[in-house]
Protein backbone atom coordinates (compact mmCIF):
# COMPACT_ATOMS: atom_id res chain seq x y z
CA UNK A 1 -6.12 6.26 -19.86
CA UNK A 2 -9.85 5.16 -20.48
CA UNK A 3 -10.80 6.37 -16.90
CA UNK A 4 -9.56 8.26 -14.20
CA UNK A 5 -7.30 6.71 -11.43
CA UNK A 6 -7.83 6.18 -7.97
CA UNK A 7 -4.55 4.93 -5.80
CA UNK A 8 -5.32 2.98 -2.52
CA UNK A 9 -2.06 3.60 -0.58
CA UNK A 10 -1.09 1.84 2.17
CA UNK A 11 1.89 3.37 2.72
CA UNK A 12 0.70 6.45 4.19
CA UNK A 13 -0.19 6.21 7.50
CA UNK A 14 -2.29 8.33 9.88
CA UNK A 15 -0.08 10.92 11.67
CA UNK A 16 -0.06 12.43 15.21
CA UNK A 17 -0.33 16.03 14.25
CA UNK A 18 -2.04 16.59 10.84
CA UNK A 19 -2.92 19.33 8.40
CA UNK A 20 -6.00 21.19 8.92
CA UNK A 21 -6.71 20.56 5.23
CA UNK A 22 -7.39 16.86 6.14
CA UNK A 23 -10.55 15.94 7.10
CA UNK A 24 -12.06 13.02 8.91
CA UNK A 25 -14.73 10.51 7.51
CA UNK A 26 -16.38 7.53 9.51
CA UNK A 27 -17.56 4.78 7.53
CA UNK A 28 -19.41 1.53 8.22
CA UNK A 29 -17.70 -1.32 6.44
CA UNK A 30 -19.98 -3.89 8.08
CA UNK A 31 -20.26 -6.63 10.78
CA UNK A 32 -20.63 -3.52 13.13
CA UNK A 33 -16.97 -2.24 12.10
CA UNK A 34 -16.43 1.39 11.81
CA UNK A 35 -13.15 2.70 10.24
CA UNK A 36 -11.92 6.43 10.20
CA UNK A 37 -10.84 7.73 7.03
CA UNK A 38 -8.43 10.75 6.96
CA UNK A 39 -8.95 12.38 3.80
CA UNK A 40 -6.62 15.01 1.79
CA UNK A 41 -9.00 16.37 -1.03
CA UNK A 42 -7.72 17.11 -4.57
CA UNK A 43 -9.20 18.12 -7.85
CA UNK A 44 -6.94 15.70 -9.84
CA UNK A 45 -8.07 12.33 -10.97
CA UNK A 46 -5.83 10.34 -8.53
CA UNK A 47 -7.19 8.88 -5.21
CA UNK A 48 -4.56 7.32 -2.57
CA UNK A 49 -6.26 5.52 0.25
CA UNK A 50 -3.25 4.29 3.17
CA UNK A 51 -3.78 1.66 5.67
CA UNK A 52 -0.91 1.69 8.52
CA UNK A 53 1.49 -0.52 8.69
CA UNK A 54 2.93 -2.90 11.31
CA UNK A 55 4.59 0.28 12.77
CA UNK A 56 1.46 2.27 13.44
CA UNK A 57 1.54 6.31 12.80
CA UNK A 58 3.90 7.91 11.18
CA UNK A 59 4.10 11.93 10.62
CA UNK A 60 6.28 11.61 7.16
CA UNK A 61 3.63 9.50 5.40
CA UNK A 62 1.16 12.06 6.36
CA UNK A 63 3.06 14.97 5.02
CA UNK A 64 3.78 13.38 1.90
CA UNK A 65 0.06 12.76 1.53
CA UNK A 66 -0.45 16.46 1.90
CA UNK A 67 2.20 17.13 -0.74
CA UNK A 68 0.36 14.91 -3.13
CA UNK A 69 -2.84 16.27 -2.52
CA UNK A 70 -1.38 19.88 -3.57
CA UNK A 71 -0.25 17.99 -6.81
CA UNK A 72 -3.71 16.93 -7.55
CA UNK A 73 -3.57 13.56 -6.10
CA UNK A 74 -6.27 12.83 -3.44
CA UNK A 75 -5.61 10.74 -0.35
CA UNK A 76 -7.26 8.88 2.10
CA UNK A 77 -5.79 7.00 4.91
CA UNK A 78 -7.59 4.05 6.68
CA UNK A 79 -6.70 2.93 10.31
CA UNK A 80 -7.12 -0.89 9.52
CA UNK A 81 -5.67 -1.65 12.98
CA UNK A 82 -7.90 0.85 14.77
CA UNK A 83 -11.03 -0.56 13.65
CA UNK A 84 -10.50 -3.81 15.33
CA UNK A 85 -8.83 -2.48 18.57
CA UNK A 86 -5.60 -4.54 17.77
CA UNK A 87 -2.21 -3.47 18.72
CA UNK A 88 0.37 -2.38 16.54
CA UNK A 89 2.21 -5.30 15.30
CA UNK A 90 3.22 -7.52 12.21
CA UNK A 91 1.02 -10.18 13.79
CA UNK A 92 -2.08 -8.25 13.73
CA UNK A 93 -1.76 -7.21 9.97
CA UNK A 94 -1.10 -10.72 9.04
CA UNK A 95 -4.12 -11.61 10.99
CA UNK A 96 -6.33 -9.39 8.88
CA UNK A 97 -8.27 -11.27 6.42
CA UNK A 98 -8.70 -8.66 3.72
CA UNK A 99 -12.52 -8.30 4.07
CA UNK A 100 -12.20 -4.46 5.32
CA UNK A 101 -9.79 -3.90 2.47
CA UNK A 102 -12.19 -4.96 0.00
CA UNK A 103 -15.40 -2.98 1.35
CA UNK A 104 -12.82 -0.10 1.34
CA UNK A 105 -12.33 -0.46 -2.29
CA UNK A 106 -16.10 -1.09 -2.72
CA UNK A 107 -16.64 2.49 -0.55
CA UNK A 108 -14.06 4.25 -3.28
CA UNK A 109 -15.84 2.70 -6.45
CA UNK A 110 -19.31 3.64 -5.21
CA UNK A 111 -18.39 7.08 -4.43
CA UNK A 112 -15.61 8.31 -6.85
CA UNK A 113 -15.42 7.49 -10.82
CA UNK A 114 -11.73 6.62 -10.49
CA UNK A 115 -9.58 3.90 -11.17
CA UNK A 116 -8.01 1.82 -8.21
CA UNK A 117 -4.36 0.92 -7.32
CA UNK A 118 -3.26 -0.65 -4.21
CA UNK A 119 -0.22 0.57 -2.12
CA UNK A 120 1.05 -1.01 0.89
CA UNK A 121 4.45 -1.24 2.84
CA UNK A 122 5.78 -4.03 5.09
CA UNK A 123 3.36 -6.30 6.53
CA UNK A 124 0.50 -3.69 5.20
CA UNK A 125 0.95 -5.62 1.91
CA UNK A 126 -0.56 -8.91 3.25
CA UNK A 127 -4.38 -7.44 4.10
CA UNK A 128 -4.19 -5.17 0.77
CA UNK A 129 -3.37 -8.08 -1.33
CA UNK A 130 -5.82 -10.18 0.45
CA UNK A 131 -8.20 -7.60 0.07
CA UNK A 132 -7.83 -7.09 -3.95
CA UNK A 133 -8.20 -10.98 -4.15
CA UNK A 134 -11.45 -10.91 -2.53
CA UNK A 135 -12.60 -7.56 -4.86
CA UNK A 136 -11.34 -9.29 -7.77
CA UNK A 137 -13.22 -12.55 -7.12
CA UNK A 138 -16.63 -10.81 -6.35
CA UNK A 139 -16.24 -8.50 -9.18
CA UNK A 140 -14.40 -10.41 -11.93
CA UNK A 141 -15.41 -8.18 -14.64
CA UNK A 142 -14.84 -4.96 -13.16
CA UNK A 143 -11.45 -3.00 -14.23
CA UNK A 144 -11.42 -0.29 -11.52
CA UNK A 145 -8.85 -2.21 -9.50
CA UNK A 146 -5.53 -2.92 -11.66
CA UNK A 147 -2.42 -2.62 -9.70
CA UNK A 148 -0.12 -1.95 -6.80
CA UNK A 149 2.49 -0.45 -5.54
CA UNK A 150 4.68 -2.41 -2.56
CA UNK A 151 7.32 -0.71 -0.23
CA UNK A 152 9.64 -3.25 1.20
CA UNK A 153 6.36 -6.02 1.42
CA UNK A 154 6.61 -8.59 3.84
CA UNK A 155 4.71 -11.48 2.37
CA UNK A 156 6.81 -14.64 3.52
CA UNK A 157 4.93 -17.37 5.42
CA UNK A 158 6.89 -17.42 8.11
CA UNK A 159 10.26 -16.04 9.53
CA UNK A 160 13.52 -17.29 7.40
CA UNK A 161 15.37 -19.77 8.73
CA UNK A 162 18.82 -20.39 7.65
CA UNK A 163 19.16 -23.35 5.21
CA UNK A 164 15.40 -23.56 4.41
CA UNK A 165 13.61 -22.12 1.35
CA UNK A 166 11.84 -19.07 1.73
CA UNK A 167 7.69 -19.70 1.60
CA UNK A 168 5.35 -16.96 0.82
CA UNK A 169 1.85 -16.83 1.97
CA UNK A 170 -1.20 -18.34 -0.13
CA UNK A 171 -2.20 -14.88 -1.51
CA UNK A 172 1.16 -14.27 -3.34
CA UNK A 173 0.52 -17.37 -5.77
CA UNK A 174 -3.13 -16.01 -6.61
CA UNK A 175 -2.22 -12.21 -6.94
CA UNK A 176 -2.78 -10.90 -10.44
CA UNK A 177 -2.33 -7.12 -10.79
CA UNK A 178 0.69 -5.36 -12.24
CA UNK A 179 3.01 -4.14 -9.46
CA UNK A 180 5.78 -1.68 -8.76
CA UNK A 181 7.98 -3.16 -5.70
CA UNK A 182 9.87 -0.15 -4.04
CA UNK A 183 12.89 -2.18 -2.50
CA UNK A 184 15.47 -0.48 0.17
CA UNK A 185 18.84 -2.20 -0.39
CA UNK A 186 19.97 -1.99 3.00
CA UNK A 187 17.34 -4.95 4.28
CA UNK A 188 17.82 -8.90 4.38
CA UNK A 189 14.66 -8.95 1.93
CA UNK A 190 16.49 -7.27 -0.60
CA UNK A 191 18.01 -10.58 -1.15
CA UNK A 192 14.71 -12.42 -1.47
CA UNK A 193 12.77 -9.53 -3.78
CA UNK A 194 13.72 -11.51 -7.04
CA UNK A 195 11.88 -14.58 -5.94
CA UNK A 196 9.21 -12.64 -4.74
CA UNK A 197 8.94 -11.33 -7.99
CA UNK A 198 9.18 -14.46 -9.88
CA UNK A 199 6.44 -15.80 -7.47
CA UNK A 200 3.85 -13.24 -8.14
CA UNK A 201 4.58 -13.68 -12.01
CA UNK A 202 3.88 -17.11 -11.56
CA UNK A 203 0.60 -16.29 -10.10
CA UNK A 204 -0.33 -14.06 -13.20
CA UNK A 205 1.09 -10.53 -12.00
CA UNK A 206 3.38 -8.10 -14.05
CA UNK A 207 6.21 -6.98 -11.78
CA UNK A 208 8.93 -4.51 -11.67
CA UNK A 209 11.25 -3.91 -9.02
CA UNK A 210 12.87 -0.46 -8.48
CA UNK A 211 15.79 -0.29 -5.82
CA UNK A 212 15.99 2.42 -3.48
CA UNK A 213 19.99 2.46 -2.50
CA UNK A 214 21.14 3.18 0.95
CA UNK A 215 18.18 2.65 3.10
CA UNK A 216 16.53 0.42 5.19
CA UNK A 217 13.02 -0.59 5.62
CA UNK A 218 10.58 1.71 7.34
CA UNK A 219 13.43 4.51 6.05
CA UNK A 220 10.80 7.07 6.19
CA UNK A 221 9.98 6.84 10.16
CA UNK A 222 12.93 5.63 11.73
CA UNK A 223 14.15 7.13 14.86
CA UNK A 224 17.61 6.51 14.18
CA UNK A 225 17.62 7.60 10.50
CA UNK A 226 20.57 7.88 8.64
CA UNK A 227 20.89 11.20 6.57
CA UNK A 228 20.15 8.94 3.29
CA UNK A 229 16.92 7.97 5.20
CA UNK A 230 16.00 10.98 5.81
CA UNK A 231 16.85 12.54 2.30
CA UNK A 232 14.63 9.33 0.93
CA UNK A 233 11.87 10.22 3.29
CA UNK A 234 11.70 13.28 1.71
CA UNK A 235 11.41 12.27 -1.61
CA UNK A 236 8.02 9.93 -0.81
CA UNK A 237 5.67 12.15 -2.90
CA UNK A 238 8.69 11.58 -5.86
CA UNK A 239 8.76 7.76 -5.41
CA UNK A 240 4.82 7.47 -5.43
CA UNK A 241 4.56 9.63 -8.61
CA UNK A 242 7.40 7.42 -9.91
CA UNK A 243 5.64 4.20 -9.21
CA UNK A 244 2.00 5.53 -10.79
CA UNK A 245 4.04 6.15 -14.02
CA UNK A 246 5.50 3.05 -14.30
CA UNK A 247 2.11 1.15 -13.68
CA UNK A 248 0.70 3.52 -16.66
CA UNK A 249 3.87 2.29 -18.94
CA UNK A 250 2.92 -1.32 -18.00
CA UNK A 251 -0.59 -0.63 -18.48
CA UNK A 252 0.07 0.53 -21.88
CA UNK A 253 2.63 -2.09 -22.82
């Protein structure tokens, strides 16, 4: 690969109890907005930056971030909602226009020499893709951002209604990135993932879908998790590494 790899990870969230190896960095994003980054440092050539999804903070994601850092993949976790004092809710994530994500990408570009890939889960995919679009518009010649990994992305423009076609947010039609979608099979969005793939591809993205059998959305942070979901949650680092390899293969082809 021509340069080093940065992964902006929105799957991994801040956890109530974190490793002593994590460091806290507060950065100024502009407009009087400060944001905390929780960092798991590593010597490797990959950086993962995570945003909290609509369900808020989770222990499994931070544990996975620690494991990945031990495998040479640096992890940053950013608190988008906390920076705006917003409640933990899908509507909060959908209200974010992506400026903060674009500024975080800029912060990563300015402080590392690594390559950038976004990862998001659930409604966290909304500000992640919006931020990617803003960054690309402002830096059309930059190749630092060139991929995304989305876990069960929630990108519809409205809640699905019986008998009505599903419509996607505008950013879906205008995002141009290679992507891997990690889609649980035990969720209604499973039946729409092919349409999402096609819509993203029509907008200029290259998309690969990987199905996660026997689990629901938020499988890694559910109080009512099944045995299969607990097992899949334990594989989070492996799933991320698998998606990274797929993106590398997409780039090479």
